[in-house]
N, C-alpha and C. Protein backbone atom coordinates (compact mmCIF):
# COMPACT_ATOMS: atom_id res chain seq x y z
N MET A 1 50.85 -15.89 -18.26
CA MET A 1 52.05 -16.66 -18.01
C MET A 1 52.58 -17.27 -19.31
N LYS A 2 51.64 -17.78 -20.14
CA LYS A 2 52.04 -18.41 -21.40
C LYS A 2 52.71 -17.40 -22.33
N LYS A 3 52.13 -16.21 -22.43
CA LYS A 3 52.71 -15.17 -23.29
C LYS A 3 54.08 -14.75 -22.77
N TYR A 4 54.24 -14.69 -21.47
CA TYR A 4 55.52 -14.32 -20.88
C TYR A 4 56.59 -15.36 -21.23
N LEU A 5 56.24 -16.64 -21.10
CA LEU A 5 57.20 -17.70 -21.41
C LEU A 5 57.57 -17.70 -22.89
N LEU A 6 56.59 -17.49 -23.76
CA LEU A 6 56.88 -17.42 -25.19
C LEU A 6 57.78 -16.23 -25.50
N LYS A 7 57.50 -15.11 -24.88
CA LYS A 7 58.33 -13.92 -25.10
C LYS A 7 59.77 -14.18 -24.67
N ARG A 8 59.94 -14.80 -23.53
CA ARG A 8 61.29 -15.13 -23.03
C ARG A 8 61.99 -16.11 -23.97
N PHE A 9 61.24 -17.10 -24.47
CA PHE A 9 61.79 -18.07 -25.42
C PHE A 9 62.26 -17.37 -26.68
N PHE A 10 61.44 -16.46 -27.20
CA PHE A 10 61.78 -15.75 -28.43
C PHE A 10 62.95 -14.78 -28.24
N GLN A 11 63.16 -14.30 -27.03
CA GLN A 11 64.22 -13.34 -26.78
C GLN A 11 65.59 -13.97 -26.61
N THR A 12 65.66 -15.28 -26.44
CA THR A 12 66.97 -15.90 -26.25
C THR A 12 67.80 -15.78 -27.51
N GLY A 13 69.08 -15.59 -27.33
CA GLY A 13 69.99 -15.46 -28.47
C GLY A 13 70.02 -16.71 -29.32
N PHE A 14 69.86 -17.86 -28.68
CA PHE A 14 69.89 -19.13 -29.40
C PHE A 14 68.76 -19.20 -30.42
N VAL A 15 67.56 -18.85 -29.99
CA VAL A 15 66.39 -18.91 -30.87
C VAL A 15 66.49 -17.84 -31.94
N ARG A 16 66.86 -16.63 -31.54
CA ARG A 16 66.97 -15.53 -32.52
C ARG A 16 67.99 -15.83 -33.60
N SER A 17 69.14 -16.39 -33.20
CA SER A 17 70.16 -16.70 -34.21
C SER A 17 69.74 -17.89 -35.07
N ALA A 18 69.03 -18.84 -34.50
CA ALA A 18 68.56 -19.99 -35.29
C ALA A 18 67.57 -19.53 -36.35
N VAL A 19 66.69 -18.61 -36.00
CA VAL A 19 65.71 -18.11 -36.97
C VAL A 19 66.42 -17.23 -38.00
N ALA A 20 67.31 -16.36 -37.55
CA ALA A 20 68.02 -15.46 -38.46
C ALA A 20 68.88 -16.24 -39.46
N ASP A 21 69.52 -17.31 -39.00
CA ASP A 21 70.39 -18.11 -39.87
C ASP A 21 69.62 -19.17 -40.66
N GLN A 22 68.30 -19.25 -40.44
CA GLN A 22 67.49 -20.29 -41.08
C GLN A 22 68.12 -21.67 -40.87
N ALA A 23 68.37 -22.00 -39.61
CA ALA A 23 69.02 -23.27 -39.24
C ALA A 23 68.28 -24.44 -39.87
N ASP A 24 69.03 -25.34 -40.48
CA ASP A 24 68.43 -26.51 -41.12
C ASP A 24 69.25 -27.76 -40.79
N LEU A 25 68.86 -28.85 -41.38
CA LEU A 25 69.51 -30.14 -41.11
C LEU A 25 70.42 -30.57 -42.25
N SER A 26 70.90 -29.63 -43.05
CA SER A 26 71.72 -29.98 -44.21
C SER A 26 73.02 -30.67 -43.84
N ALA A 27 73.53 -30.45 -42.64
CA ALA A 27 74.78 -31.11 -42.22
C ALA A 27 74.62 -32.62 -42.10
N PHE A 28 73.38 -33.09 -41.97
CA PHE A 28 73.15 -34.53 -41.87
C PHE A 28 73.27 -35.24 -43.22
N ARG A 29 73.44 -34.48 -44.29
CA ARG A 29 73.59 -35.08 -45.61
C ARG A 29 75.00 -35.64 -45.84
N GLU A 30 75.99 -35.05 -45.17
CA GLU A 30 77.36 -35.54 -45.34
C GLU A 30 77.57 -36.84 -44.56
N ARG A 31 78.48 -37.66 -45.04
CA ARG A 31 78.74 -38.94 -44.40
C ARG A 31 79.42 -38.72 -43.05
N PRO A 32 78.83 -39.26 -41.98
CA PRO A 32 79.43 -39.06 -40.65
C PRO A 32 80.65 -39.95 -40.46
N ALA A 33 81.52 -39.53 -39.56
CA ALA A 33 82.71 -40.29 -39.22
C ALA A 33 82.30 -41.56 -38.46
N PRO A 34 83.17 -42.58 -38.47
CA PRO A 34 82.85 -43.81 -37.74
C PRO A 34 82.56 -43.58 -36.26
N ARG A 35 83.23 -42.63 -35.66
CA ARG A 35 83.00 -42.33 -34.24
C ARG A 35 81.56 -41.85 -34.03
N ILE A 36 81.06 -41.07 -34.95
CA ILE A 36 79.69 -40.55 -34.83
C ILE A 36 78.68 -41.68 -35.05
N ILE A 37 78.97 -42.55 -36.00
CA ILE A 37 78.09 -43.70 -36.23
C ILE A 37 78.04 -44.57 -34.98
N LEU A 38 79.21 -44.79 -34.34
CA LEU A 38 79.25 -45.55 -33.10
C LEU A 38 78.40 -44.88 -32.03
N GLY A 39 78.51 -43.56 -31.93
CA GLY A 39 77.74 -42.82 -30.92
C GLY A 39 76.24 -42.97 -31.13
N PHE A 40 75.78 -42.78 -32.38
CA PHE A 40 74.35 -42.93 -32.65
C PHE A 40 73.89 -44.36 -32.45
N SER A 41 74.74 -45.32 -32.78
CA SER A 41 74.39 -46.73 -32.58
C SER A 41 74.23 -47.04 -31.10
N LEU A 42 75.14 -46.51 -30.28
CA LEU A 42 75.02 -46.72 -28.83
C LEU A 42 73.76 -46.08 -28.28
N MET A 43 73.43 -44.89 -28.78
CA MET A 43 72.21 -44.24 -28.29
C MET A 43 70.97 -45.05 -28.69
N ALA A 44 70.95 -45.57 -29.91
CA ALA A 44 69.82 -46.39 -30.35
C ALA A 44 69.74 -47.67 -29.51
N PHE A 45 70.89 -48.28 -29.25
CA PHE A 45 70.92 -49.51 -28.45
C PHE A 45 70.43 -49.25 -27.03
N SER A 46 70.70 -48.07 -26.51
CA SER A 46 70.26 -47.76 -25.14
C SER A 46 68.74 -47.79 -25.04
N TYR A 47 68.04 -47.43 -26.12
CA TYR A 47 66.58 -47.49 -26.11
C TYR A 47 66.09 -48.94 -26.09
N ILE A 48 66.84 -49.82 -26.70
CA ILE A 48 66.46 -51.23 -26.72
C ILE A 48 66.63 -51.85 -25.33
N ILE A 49 67.70 -51.45 -24.63
CA ILE A 49 67.92 -52.03 -23.30
C ILE A 49 67.28 -51.19 -22.20
N GLY A 50 66.52 -50.18 -22.58
CA GLY A 50 65.81 -49.36 -21.60
C GLY A 50 64.52 -50.02 -21.20
N TRP A 51 63.41 -49.38 -21.56
CA TRP A 51 62.10 -49.87 -21.15
C TRP A 51 61.74 -51.25 -21.70
N PRO A 52 62.08 -51.60 -22.94
CA PRO A 52 61.74 -52.95 -23.38
C PRO A 52 62.37 -54.04 -22.52
N ALA A 53 63.62 -53.86 -22.14
CA ALA A 53 64.28 -54.86 -21.29
C ALA A 53 63.65 -54.90 -19.90
N VAL A 54 63.31 -53.73 -19.37
CA VAL A 54 62.65 -53.69 -18.06
C VAL A 54 61.29 -54.37 -18.14
N SER A 55 60.56 -54.14 -19.21
CA SER A 55 59.27 -54.81 -19.39
C SER A 55 59.43 -56.32 -19.47
N LEU A 56 60.44 -56.75 -20.20
CA LEU A 56 60.72 -58.18 -20.31
C LEU A 56 61.05 -58.78 -18.94
N LEU A 57 61.81 -58.04 -18.14
CA LEU A 57 62.10 -58.51 -16.78
C LEU A 57 60.83 -58.59 -15.95
N GLY A 58 59.89 -57.66 -16.17
CA GLY A 58 58.61 -57.71 -15.46
C GLY A 58 57.82 -58.94 -15.82
N VAL A 59 57.79 -59.27 -17.10
CA VAL A 59 57.09 -60.48 -17.55
C VAL A 59 57.76 -61.71 -16.96
N LEU A 60 59.09 -61.72 -17.00
CA LEU A 60 59.84 -62.84 -16.43
C LEU A 60 59.59 -62.98 -14.93
N ALA A 61 59.49 -61.87 -14.23
CA ALA A 61 59.23 -61.90 -12.78
C ALA A 61 57.86 -62.47 -12.49
N VAL A 62 56.86 -62.12 -13.31
CA VAL A 62 55.51 -62.66 -13.11
C VAL A 62 55.50 -64.15 -13.42
N TYR A 63 56.15 -64.53 -14.53
CA TYR A 63 56.19 -65.93 -14.92
C TYR A 63 56.90 -66.79 -13.88
N ALA A 64 58.01 -66.30 -13.35
CA ALA A 64 58.79 -67.05 -12.37
C ALA A 64 58.25 -66.87 -10.94
N LYS A 65 57.29 -65.96 -10.78
CA LYS A 65 56.72 -65.65 -9.46
C LYS A 65 57.81 -65.22 -8.47
N ASP A 66 58.74 -64.41 -8.99
CA ASP A 66 59.85 -63.91 -8.17
C ASP A 66 59.99 -62.41 -8.44
N PRO A 67 59.38 -61.58 -7.58
CA PRO A 67 59.41 -60.14 -7.82
C PRO A 67 60.80 -59.52 -7.74
N LEU A 68 61.73 -60.21 -7.13
CA LEU A 68 63.10 -59.67 -7.03
C LEU A 68 63.76 -59.53 -8.41
N ILE A 69 63.32 -60.35 -9.37
CA ILE A 69 63.88 -60.23 -10.72
C ILE A 69 63.64 -58.82 -11.24
N LEU A 70 62.44 -58.30 -11.05
CA LEU A 70 62.14 -56.95 -11.51
C LEU A 70 62.66 -55.90 -10.53
N ALA A 71 62.55 -56.17 -9.24
CA ALA A 71 62.96 -55.19 -8.23
C ALA A 71 64.44 -54.88 -8.31
N VAL A 72 65.25 -55.87 -8.64
CA VAL A 72 66.70 -55.66 -8.74
C VAL A 72 67.11 -55.43 -10.20
N GLY A 73 66.62 -56.27 -11.08
CA GLY A 73 67.03 -56.20 -12.48
C GLY A 73 66.53 -54.97 -13.20
N GLY A 74 65.35 -54.48 -12.84
CA GLY A 74 64.78 -53.31 -13.51
C GLY A 74 65.66 -52.07 -13.36
N PRO A 75 65.95 -51.65 -12.14
CA PRO A 75 66.80 -50.47 -11.97
C PRO A 75 68.22 -50.65 -12.53
N VAL A 76 68.76 -51.86 -12.40
CA VAL A 76 70.10 -52.11 -12.94
C VAL A 76 70.09 -51.98 -14.46
N THR A 77 69.10 -52.59 -15.10
CA THR A 77 69.00 -52.52 -16.56
C THR A 77 68.75 -51.11 -17.03
N TYR A 78 67.86 -50.41 -16.36
CA TYR A 78 67.55 -49.03 -16.75
C TYR A 78 68.76 -48.12 -16.54
N GLY A 79 69.47 -48.31 -15.44
CA GLY A 79 70.70 -47.55 -15.20
C GLY A 79 71.75 -47.82 -16.26
N LEU A 80 71.86 -49.08 -16.65
CA LEU A 80 72.81 -49.44 -17.70
C LEU A 80 72.44 -48.76 -19.02
N SER A 81 71.16 -48.66 -19.30
CA SER A 81 70.74 -48.00 -20.55
C SER A 81 71.14 -46.53 -20.52
N HIS A 82 71.06 -45.89 -19.36
CA HIS A 82 71.49 -44.49 -19.25
C HIS A 82 73.00 -44.36 -19.50
N LEU A 83 73.76 -45.26 -18.93
CA LEU A 83 75.21 -45.22 -19.15
C LEU A 83 75.57 -45.41 -20.62
N VAL A 84 74.88 -46.33 -21.29
CA VAL A 84 75.12 -46.57 -22.71
C VAL A 84 74.73 -45.33 -23.52
N PHE A 85 73.62 -44.68 -23.15
CA PHE A 85 73.20 -43.46 -23.85
C PHE A 85 74.23 -42.35 -23.67
N ILE A 86 74.74 -42.18 -22.46
CA ILE A 86 75.75 -41.15 -22.19
C ILE A 86 77.02 -41.44 -22.98
N ALA A 87 77.42 -42.71 -23.05
CA ALA A 87 78.59 -43.07 -23.86
C ALA A 87 78.34 -42.74 -25.32
N GLY A 88 77.13 -43.00 -25.81
CA GLY A 88 76.79 -42.66 -27.18
C GLY A 88 76.85 -41.17 -27.44
N MET A 89 76.38 -40.38 -26.49
CA MET A 89 76.47 -38.93 -26.63
C MET A 89 77.93 -38.47 -26.67
N TYR A 90 78.75 -39.09 -25.86
CA TYR A 90 80.17 -38.74 -25.85
C TYR A 90 80.80 -39.00 -27.22
N PHE A 91 80.53 -40.17 -27.77
CA PHE A 91 81.12 -40.52 -29.06
C PHE A 91 80.53 -39.70 -30.21
N ALA A 92 79.24 -39.41 -30.15
CA ALA A 92 78.60 -38.64 -31.23
C ALA A 92 79.05 -37.19 -31.21
N GLY A 93 79.37 -36.69 -30.05
CA GLY A 93 79.86 -35.32 -29.95
C GLY A 93 78.74 -34.30 -29.95
N VAL A 94 79.15 -33.07 -29.86
CA VAL A 94 78.19 -31.97 -29.70
C VAL A 94 77.75 -31.40 -31.05
N LYS A 95 78.50 -31.65 -32.11
CA LYS A 95 78.23 -31.02 -33.41
C LYS A 95 76.81 -31.30 -33.89
N TYR A 96 76.44 -32.55 -33.99
CA TYR A 96 75.13 -32.90 -34.52
C TYR A 96 74.00 -32.55 -33.55
N THR A 97 74.28 -32.62 -32.26
CA THR A 97 73.28 -32.24 -31.28
C THR A 97 72.95 -30.76 -31.42
N LYS A 98 73.97 -29.95 -31.57
CA LYS A 98 73.74 -28.50 -31.71
C LYS A 98 72.98 -28.19 -33.00
N ILE A 99 73.34 -28.85 -34.08
CA ILE A 99 72.64 -28.64 -35.36
C ILE A 99 71.17 -28.98 -35.22
N PHE A 100 70.88 -30.13 -34.59
CA PHE A 100 69.49 -30.55 -34.42
C PHE A 100 68.73 -29.58 -33.51
N LEU A 101 69.33 -29.17 -32.39
CA LEU A 101 68.64 -28.28 -31.46
C LEU A 101 68.38 -26.90 -32.08
N ARG A 102 69.32 -26.39 -32.89
CA ARG A 102 69.10 -25.11 -33.57
C ARG A 102 67.92 -25.22 -34.55
N TRP A 103 67.87 -26.33 -35.29
CA TRP A 103 66.77 -26.54 -36.22
C TRP A 103 65.44 -26.64 -35.45
N ALA A 104 65.44 -27.41 -34.36
CA ALA A 104 64.21 -27.58 -33.57
C ALA A 104 63.77 -26.25 -32.97
N ALA A 105 64.70 -25.43 -32.52
CA ALA A 105 64.35 -24.12 -31.97
C ALA A 105 63.74 -23.23 -33.05
N ARG A 106 64.33 -23.24 -34.25
CA ARG A 106 63.80 -22.42 -35.34
C ARG A 106 62.40 -22.86 -35.73
N VAL A 107 62.21 -24.16 -35.92
CA VAL A 107 60.90 -24.68 -36.32
C VAL A 107 59.86 -24.39 -35.23
N SER A 108 60.22 -24.60 -33.97
CA SER A 108 59.28 -24.33 -32.88
C SER A 108 58.90 -22.86 -32.82
N ALA A 109 59.89 -21.99 -32.93
CA ALA A 109 59.62 -20.56 -32.87
C ALA A 109 58.72 -20.13 -34.02
N GLU A 110 58.99 -20.63 -35.21
CA GLU A 110 58.17 -20.26 -36.36
C GLU A 110 56.74 -20.78 -36.21
N LYS A 111 56.58 -22.00 -35.69
CA LYS A 111 55.24 -22.56 -35.50
C LYS A 111 54.47 -21.78 -34.44
N LEU A 112 55.20 -21.22 -33.47
CA LEU A 112 54.56 -20.45 -32.39
C LEU A 112 54.34 -18.99 -32.80
N GLY A 113 54.69 -18.65 -34.04
CA GLY A 113 54.37 -17.32 -34.54
C GLY A 113 55.49 -16.30 -34.45
N TYR A 114 56.71 -16.70 -34.16
CA TYR A 114 57.80 -15.74 -34.04
C TYR A 114 58.27 -15.27 -35.41
N ARG A 115 58.48 -13.99 -35.52
CA ARG A 115 59.05 -13.39 -36.72
C ARG A 115 60.20 -12.49 -36.28
N LEU A 116 61.24 -12.43 -37.07
CA LEU A 116 62.36 -11.56 -36.74
C LEU A 116 61.89 -10.10 -36.74
N PRO A 117 62.37 -9.32 -35.78
CA PRO A 117 61.97 -7.91 -35.77
C PRO A 117 62.53 -7.19 -36.98
N GLU A 118 61.77 -6.26 -37.50
CA GLU A 118 62.20 -5.48 -38.65
C GLU A 118 63.30 -4.52 -38.21
N THR A 119 64.34 -4.39 -39.01
CA THR A 119 65.42 -3.46 -38.66
C THR A 119 65.50 -2.32 -39.64
C-alpha cells in the first residue's frame, strides 16, 4: 500500500513539474506588497487567538469555577481564529502558497527517493 501511494504521489503532474523545475523559495526574497504582509500577519494572529486563547479560557473557567466560560467561549474563540486565518489567506493570495507547496512537494519527493525518469 505504501509503495502504491508513493508511486501515485510521484506520478502527479504537480510533483513531477516541481522536481523538473527545481522549485525553490527564491520568490520570498523580494519585498512583499502590503496586502501580503497583512495576510501573513492575520494568519500569524490567528494562531495566537487559536489554542492559546482557548487554553486561557480553560484556566479562567477552572479559576472561576464556571465551565460555561470554556464551553461557550472555547468554540467561539476557535471559530474566530479560523475566520481570521481565512481572511489572512485571502489577503496573502495564492502566489506564495503555490510557491511554498511546490517547494515542499519537490523536497518531499526527493527525500522519498524520487528521481526524474531518464528521457
